[in-house]
Amino acid sequence: MSAEPPPILDITARRPHRADARRNFDAVLTAAREAFAVRGTDASLEDIARQANVGIGTLYRNFPTRQDLLEAVYAGEVQELCLGAQAVSELEPWDAFTTWLDSFARYVPTKLALLQALNKDSEVFRACKSAMLVSAAPIFERAQQAGALRPDVELDDVLRMVAGMVGSTYADDAQRRRVLNIALDGLRAR
């Protein structure tokens, strides 16, 4: 239903053509994603290279600065969220909206440190935000048009509300889910 989300960061243009170099590139991104999630954005680049099973020179050849690596990891995560919007687009309007919003809610807390380390004025950050809004808008609008979602809210309102809620610390995932359900109940059209 929804169109292909716009490219956020042209990783494919930077991704090497040779199979071995491509594997190394992907391994660095995977290791960085894990390291940033566990140890924060100050995770050692040497440890990331070691985890990826490559030399530090290979890491720097692909990602000359820490910011380049942070942006690539962040853009990859946002791209997955955008693709998730496409994956749920065939569900019933309310189900599509709540399923995607749940994905967004699970995404936010794990990416807060990464988001804080990014330059908010960077083209990558702006492109990520735009791509997320563009990919979620059809799901949001369809839920409103179907009469399932309150007509007096905007997508940006919902994303800010959910980001603020899930950025908090909860006792467990069940509590996080209950709080999200309370918010969803408030968003449902009466």
C-alpha atoms as a PDB file:
ATOM      1  CA  MET A   1       0.000   0.000   0.000  1.00  0.00           C
ATOM      2  CA  SER A   2       2.624   2.556   0.994  1.00  0.00           C
ATOM      3  CA  ALA A   3       5.424   3.543  -1.320  1.00  0.00           C
ATOM      4  CA  GLU A   4       9.024   2.575  -0.751  1.00  0.00           C
ATOM      5  CA  PRO A   5      10.416   4.835   1.975  1.00  0.00           C
ATOM      6  CA  PRO A   6      12.923   7.372   0.726  1.00  0.00           C
ATOM      7  CA  PRO A   7      16.574   6.413   1.175  1.00  0.00           C
ATOM      8  CA  ILE A   8      17.839   7.807   4.447  1.00  0.00           C
ATOM      9  CA  LEU A   9      21.559   7.382   4.055  1.00  0.00           C
ATOM     10  CA  ASP A  10      22.812   5.865   0.871  1.00  0.00           C
ATOM     11  CA  ILE A  11      24.605   2.983   2.561  1.00  0.00           C
ATOM     12  CA  THR A  12      24.474   0.985  -0.665  1.00  0.00           C
ATOM     13  CA  ALA A  13      26.596   3.605  -2.429  1.00  0.00           C
ATOM     14  CA  ARG A  14      29.242   3.279   0.276  1.00  0.00           C
ATOM     15  CA  ARG A  15      28.931  -0.489   0.582  1.00  0.00           C
ATOM     16  CA  PRO A  16      31.869  -2.178  -1.182  1.00  0.00           C
ATOM     17  CA  HIS A  17      31.284  -4.238  -4.329  1.00  0.00           C
ATOM     18  CA  ARG A  18      33.652  -7.116  -3.531  1.00  0.00           C
ATOM     19  CA  ALA A  19      31.967  -9.873  -1.514  1.00  0.00           C
ATOM     20  CA  ASP A  20      34.660 -10.040   1.196  1.00  0.00           C
ATOM     21  CA  ALA A  21      34.729  -6.270   1.635  1.00  0.00           C
ATOM     22  CA  ARG A  22      30.912  -6.203   1.743  1.00  0.00           C
ATOM     23  CA  ARG A  23      30.928  -8.869   4.479  1.00  0.00           C
ATOM     24  CA  ASN A  24      33.412  -6.774   6.490  1.00  0.00           C
ATOM     25  CA  PHE A  25      31.296  -3.636   6.037  1.00  0.00           C
ATOM     26  CA  ASP A  26      28.162  -5.439   7.212  1.00  0.00           C
ATOM     27  CA  ALA A  27      30.031  -7.082  10.107  1.00  0.00           C
ATOM     28  CA  VAL A  28      31.240  -3.678  11.340  1.00  0.00           C
ATOM     29  CA  LEU A  29      27.693  -2.281  11.226  1.00  0.00           C
ATOM     30  CA  THR A  30      26.301  -5.290  13.101  1.00  0.00           C
ATOM     31  CA  ALA A  31      29.040  -5.149  15.745  1.00  0.00           C
ATOM     32  CA  ALA A  32      28.594  -1.386  16.148  1.00  0.00           C
ATOM     33  CA  ARG A  33      24.821  -1.735  16.546  1.00  0.00           C
ATOM     34  CA  GLU A  34      25.345  -4.300  19.322  1.00  0.00           C
ATOM     35  CA  ALA A  35      28.148  -2.360  21.007  1.00  0.00           C
ATOM     36  CA  PHE A  36      26.240   0.927  21.001  1.00  0.00           C
ATOM     37  CA  ALA A  37      23.151  -0.817  22.400  1.00  0.00           C
ATOM     38  CA  VAL A  38      25.098  -2.449  25.234  1.00  0.00           C
ATOM     39  CA  ARG A  39      27.885   0.015  26.036  1.00  0.00           C
ATOM     40  CA  GLY A  40      26.540   3.282  24.639  1.00  0.00           C
ATOM     41  CA  THR A  41      27.905   5.501  21.935  1.00  0.00           C
ATOM     42  CA  ASP A  42      31.322   5.737  23.572  1.00  0.00           C
ATOM     43  CA  ALA A  43      31.942   2.042  22.910  1.00  0.00           C
ATOM     44  CA  SER A  44      35.503   1.415  21.833  1.00  0.00           C
ATOM     45  CA  LEU A  45      35.973   1.371  18.069  1.00  0.00           C
ATOM     46  CA  GLU A  46      38.798  -1.115  18.576  1.00  0.00           C
ATOM     47  CA  ASP A  47      36.365  -3.435  20.384  1.00  0.00           C
ATOM     48  CA  ILE A  48      33.845  -2.992  17.569  1.00  0.00           C
ATOM     49  CA  ALA A  49      36.479  -3.914  14.974  1.00  0.00           C
ATOM     50  CA  ARG A  50      37.527  -6.926  17.060  1.00  0.00           C
ATOM     51  CA  GLN A  51      33.886  -8.044  17.451  1.00  0.00           C
ATOM     52  CA  ALA A  52      33.417  -7.670  13.679  1.00  0.00           C
ATOM     53  CA  ASN A  53      36.539  -9.776  13.154  1.00  0.00           C
ATOM     54  CA  VAL A  54      38.238  -7.031  11.140  1.00  0.00           C
ATOM     55  CA  GLY A  55      41.202  -4.748  11.690  1.00  0.00           C
ATOM     56  CA  ILE A  56      40.751  -1.197  12.895  1.00  0.00           C
ATOM     57  CA  GLY A  57      41.942  -0.005   9.479  1.00  0.00           C
ATOM     58  CA  THR A  58      38.993  -1.755   7.848  1.00  0.00           C
ATOM     59  CA  LEU A  59      36.604  -0.027  10.233  1.00  0.00           C
ATOM     60  CA  TYR A  60      38.109   3.398   9.468  1.00  0.00           C
ATOM     61  CA  ARG A  61      38.229   2.727   5.724  1.00  0.00           C
ATOM     62  CA  ASN A  62      34.465   2.206   5.762  1.00  0.00           C
ATOM     63  CA  PHE A  63      33.607   4.717   8.497  1.00  0.00           C
ATOM     64  CA  PRO A  64      36.291   7.420   8.732  1.00  0.00           C
ATOM     65  CA  THR A  65      34.817   8.959  11.914  1.00  0.00           C
ATOM     66  CA  ARG A  66      32.780   7.788  14.878  1.00  0.00           C
ATOM     67  CA  GLN A  67      30.014  10.117  13.668  1.00  0.00           C
ATOM     68  CA  ASP A  68      29.964   8.304  10.294  1.00  0.00           C
ATOM     69  CA  LEU A  69      29.515   4.988  12.084  1.00  0.00           C
ATOM     70  CA  LEU A  70      26.847   6.389  14.445  1.00  0.00           C
ATOM     71  CA  GLU A  71      24.919   7.839  11.518  1.00  0.00           C
ATOM     72  CA  ALA A  72      25.106   4.591   9.543  1.00  0.00           C
ATOM     73  CA  VAL A  73      23.842   2.539  12.493  1.00  0.00           C
ATOM     74  CA  TYR A  74      21.059   5.039  13.254  1.00  0.00           C
ATOM     75  CA  ALA A  75      20.001   5.255   9.609  1.00  0.00           C
ATOM     76  CA  GLY A  76      19.897   1.467   9.379  1.00  0.00           C
ATOM     77  CA  GLU A  77      17.653   1.274  12.427  1.00  0.00           C
ATOM     78  CA  VAL A  78      15.303   3.931  11.095  1.00  0.00           C
ATOM     79  CA  GLN A  79      15.219   2.211   7.712  1.00  0.00           C
ATOM     80  CA  GLU A  80      14.097  -1.010   9.449  1.00  0.00           C
ATOM     81  CA  LEU A  81      11.339   0.941  11.197  1.00  0.00           C
ATOM     82  CA  CYS A  82      10.247   2.379   7.843  1.00  0.00           C
ATOM     83  CA  LEU A  83      10.189  -1.071   6.271  1.00  0.00           C
ATOM     84  CA  GLY A  84       8.128  -2.231   9.245  1.00  0.00           C
ATOM     85  CA  ALA A  85       5.512   0.354   8.290  1.00  0.00           C
ATOM     86  CA  GLN A  86       5.278  -1.245   4.879  1.00  0.00           C
ATOM     87  CA  ALA A  87       5.023  -4.707   6.402  1.00  0.00           C
ATOM     88  CA  VAL A  88       1.920  -3.820   8.442  1.00  0.00           C
ATOM     89  CA  SER A  89       0.203  -1.691   5.809  1.00  0.00           C
ATOM     90  CA  GLU A  90      -2.164  -4.482   4.749  1.00  0.00           C
ATOM     91  CA  LEU A  91      -3.540  -5.024   8.259  1.00  0.00           C
ATOM     92  CA  GLU A  92      -6.829  -3.463   9.338  1.00  0.00           C
ATOM     93  CA  PRO A  93      -6.298   0.288   9.918  1.00  0.00           C
ATOM     94  CA  TRP A  94      -6.266   0.246  13.731  1.00  0.00           C
ATOM     95  CA  ASP A  95      -4.177  -2.941  13.875  1.00  0.00           C
ATOM     96  CA  ALA A  96      -1.664  -1.549  11.376  1.00  0.00           C
ATOM     97  CA  PHE A  97      -1.366   1.666  13.375  1.00  0.00           C
ATOM     98  CA  THR A  98      -0.979  -0.022  16.774  1.00  0.00           C
ATOM     99  CA  THR A  99       1.410  -2.690  15.464  1.00  0.00           C
ATOM    100  CA  TRP A 100       3.676  -0.065  13.925  1.00  0.00           C
ATOM    101  CA  LEU A 101       3.402   2.151  16.997  1.00  0.00           C
ATOM    102  CA  ASP A 102       4.446  -0.800  19.155  1.00  0.00           C
ATOM    103  CA  SER A 103       7.521  -1.232  16.915  1.00  0.00           C
ATOM    104  CA  PHE A 104       8.256   2.461  17.332  1.00  0.00           C
ATOM    105  CA  ALA A 105       7.806   2.140  21.111  1.00  0.00           C
ATOM    106  CA  ARG A 106      10.305  -0.742  21.238  1.00  0.00           C
ATOM    107  CA  TYR A 107      12.723   1.175  19.018  1.00  0.00           C
ATOM    108  CA  VAL A 108      12.823   4.432  21.024  1.00  0.00           C
ATOM    109  CA  PRO A 109      14.413   3.367  24.331  1.00  0.00           C
ATOM    110  CA  THR A 110      17.177   1.396  22.652  1.00  0.00           C
ATOM    111  CA  LYS A 111      18.078   4.327  20.396  1.00  0.00           C
ATOM    112  CA  LEU A 112      18.003   7.242  22.848  1.00  0.00           C
ATOM    113  CA  ALA A 113      21.764   7.211  23.481  1.00  0.00           C
ATOM    114  CA  LEU A 114      22.459   6.924  19.772  1.00  0.00           C
ATOM    115  CA  LEU A 115      20.044   9.740  19.018  1.00  0.00           C
ATOM    116  CA  GLN A 116      21.647  11.990  21.630  1.00  0.00           C
ATOM    117  CA  ALA A 117      25.088  11.436  20.099  1.00  0.00           C
ATOM    118  CA  LEU A 118      23.960  12.509  16.639  1.00  0.00           C
ATOM    119  CA  ASN A 119      24.205  16.021  15.313  1.00  0.00           C
ATOM    120  CA  LYS A 120      20.559  17.157  15.181  1.00  0.00           C
ATOM    121  CA  ASP A 121      21.447  19.590  12.387  1.00  0.00           C
ATOM    122  CA  SER A 122      22.946  16.881  10.197  1.00  0.00           C
ATOM    123  CA  GLU A 123      21.399  15.912   6.906  1.00  0.00           C
ATOM    124  CA  VAL A 124      21.228  12.279   8.079  1.00  0.00           C
ATOM    125  CA  PHE A 125      19.209  13.184  11.170  1.00  0.00           C
ATOM    126  CA  ARG A 126      16.767  15.297   9.155  1.00  0.00           C
ATOM    127  CA  ALA A 127      16.469  12.582   6.502  1.00  0.00           C
ATOM    128  CA  CYS A 128      15.790   9.931   9.157  1.00  0.00           C
ATOM    129  CA  LYS A 129      13.066  11.983  10.783  1.00  0.00           C
ATOM    130  CA  SER A 130      11.488  12.734   7.419  1.00  0.00           C
ATOM    131  CA  ALA A 131      11.612   9.100   6.299  1.00  0.00           C
ATOM    132  CA  MET A 132      10.006   7.942   9.540  1.00  0.00           C
ATOM    133  CA  LEU A 133       7.164  10.441   9.175  1.00  0.00           C
ATOM    134  CA  VAL A 134       6.665   9.651   5.476  1.00  0.00           C
ATOM    135  CA  SER A 135       6.511   5.905   6.097  1.00  0.00           C
ATOM    136  CA  ALA A 136       4.170   6.136   9.116  1.00  0.00           C
ATOM    137  CA  ALA A 137       1.827   8.774   7.668  1.00  0.00           C
ATOM    138  CA  PRO A 138      -0.216   6.431   5.419  1.00  0.00           C
ATOM    139  CA  ILE A 139      -0.875   4.068   8.332  1.00  0.00           C
ATOM    140  CA  PHE A 140      -1.824   6.958  10.617  1.00  0.00           C
ATOM    141  CA  GLU A 141      -4.061   8.620   8.014  1.00  0.00           C
ATOM    142  CA  ARG A 142      -5.776   5.347   7.128  1.00  0.00           C
ATOM    143  CA  ALA A 143      -6.618   4.762  10.802  1.00  0.00           C
ATOM    144  CA  GLN A 144      -8.059   8.270  11.047  1.00  0.00           C
ATOM    145  CA  GLN A 145     -10.043   7.905   7.812  1.00  0.00           C
ATOM    146  CA  ALA A 146     -11.451   4.589   9.030  1.00  0.00           C
ATOM    147  CA  GLY A 147     -12.727   6.355  12.157  1.00  0.00           C
ATOM    148  CA  ALA A 148     -10.523   4.252  14.431  1.00  0.00           C
ATOM    149  CA  LEU A 149      -8.157   7.039  15.467  1.00  0.00           C
ATOM    150  CA  ARG A 150      -9.152  10.402  16.927  1.00  0.00           C
ATOM    151  CA  PRO A 151      -9.347  13.056  14.220  1.00  0.00           C
ATOM    152  CA  ASP A 152      -7.917  15.791  16.462  1.00  0.00           C
ATOM    153  CA  VAL A 153      -4.391  14.354  16.781  1.00  0.00           C
ATOM    154  CA  GLU A 154      -1.428  14.607  14.448  1.00  0.00           C
ATOM    155  CA  LEU A 155       1.215  11.988  13.796  1.00  0.00           C
ATOM    156  CA  ASP A 156       3.959  14.137  15.294  1.00  0.00           C
ATOM    157  CA  ASP A 157       1.857  14.509  18.485  1.00  0.00           C
ATOM    158  CA  VAL A 158       1.559  10.735  18.797  1.00  0.00           C
ATOM    159  CA  LEU A 159       5.245  10.057  18.151  1.00  0.00           C
ATOM    160  CA  ARG A 160       6.321  12.651  20.706  1.00  0.00           C
ATOM    161  CA  MET A 161       3.885  11.279  23.287  1.00  0.00           C
ATOM    162  CA  VAL A 162       5.038   7.695  22.796  1.00  0.00           C
ATOM    163  CA  ALA A 163       8.723   8.661  22.730  1.00  0.00           C
ATOM    164  CA  GLY A 164       8.299  10.489  26.031  1.00  0.00           C
ATOM    165  CA  MET A 165       6.444   7.594  27.622  1.00  0.00           C
ATOM    166  CA  VAL A 166       8.752   4.809  26.551  1.00  0.00           C
ATOM    167  CA  GLY A 167      11.860   6.819  27.312  1.00  0.00           C
ATOM    168  CA  SER A 168      10.986   6.297  30.981  1.00  0.00           C
ATOM    169  CA  THR A 169      12.183   3.389  33.063  1.00  0.00           C
ATOM    170  CA  TYR A 170       9.661   0.608  33.680  1.00  0.00           C
ATOM    171  CA  ALA A 171       9.699  -2.370  36.011  1.00  0.00           C
ATOM    172  CA  ASP A 172       9.410  -4.714  33.042  1.00  0.00           C
ATOM    173  CA  ASP A 173       8.202  -4.974  29.466  1.00  0.00           C
ATOM    174  CA  ALA A 174       4.675  -5.806  30.653  1.00  0.00           C
ATOM    175  CA  GLN A 175       4.429  -2.463  32.458  1.00  0.00           C
ATOM    176  CA  ARG A 176       5.733  -0.626  29.376  1.00  0.00           C
ATOM    177  CA  ARG A 177       3.072  -2.366  27.289  1.00  0.00           C
ATOM    178  CA  ARG A 178       0.289  -1.465  29.791  1.00  0.00           C
ATOM    179  CA  VAL A 179       1.268   2.212  29.713  1.00  0.00           C
ATOM    180  CA  LEU A 180       1.305   2.153  25.913  1.00  0.00           C
ATOM    181  CA  ASN A 181      -2.148   0.533  25.906  1.00  0.00           C
ATOM    182  CA  ILE A 182      -3.476   3.308  28.141  1.00  0.00           C
ATOM    183  CA  ALA A 183      -2.193   5.873  25.644  1.00  0.00           C
ATOM    184  CA  LEU A 184      -3.651   3.921  22.725  1.00  0.00           C
ATOM    185  CA  ASP A 185      -7.001   3.834  24.475  1.00  0.00           C
ATOM    186  CA  GLY A 186      -6.867   7.618  24.663  1.00  0.00           C
ATOM    187  CA  LEU A 187      -6.071   7.831  20.942  1.00  0.00           C
ATOM    188  CA  ARG A 188      -8.935   5.600  19.856  1.00  0.00           C
ATOM    189  CA  ALA A 189     -11.863   7.440  18.325  1.00  0.00           C
ATOM    190  CA  ARG A 190     -15.061   7.260  20.383  1.00  0.00           C
END
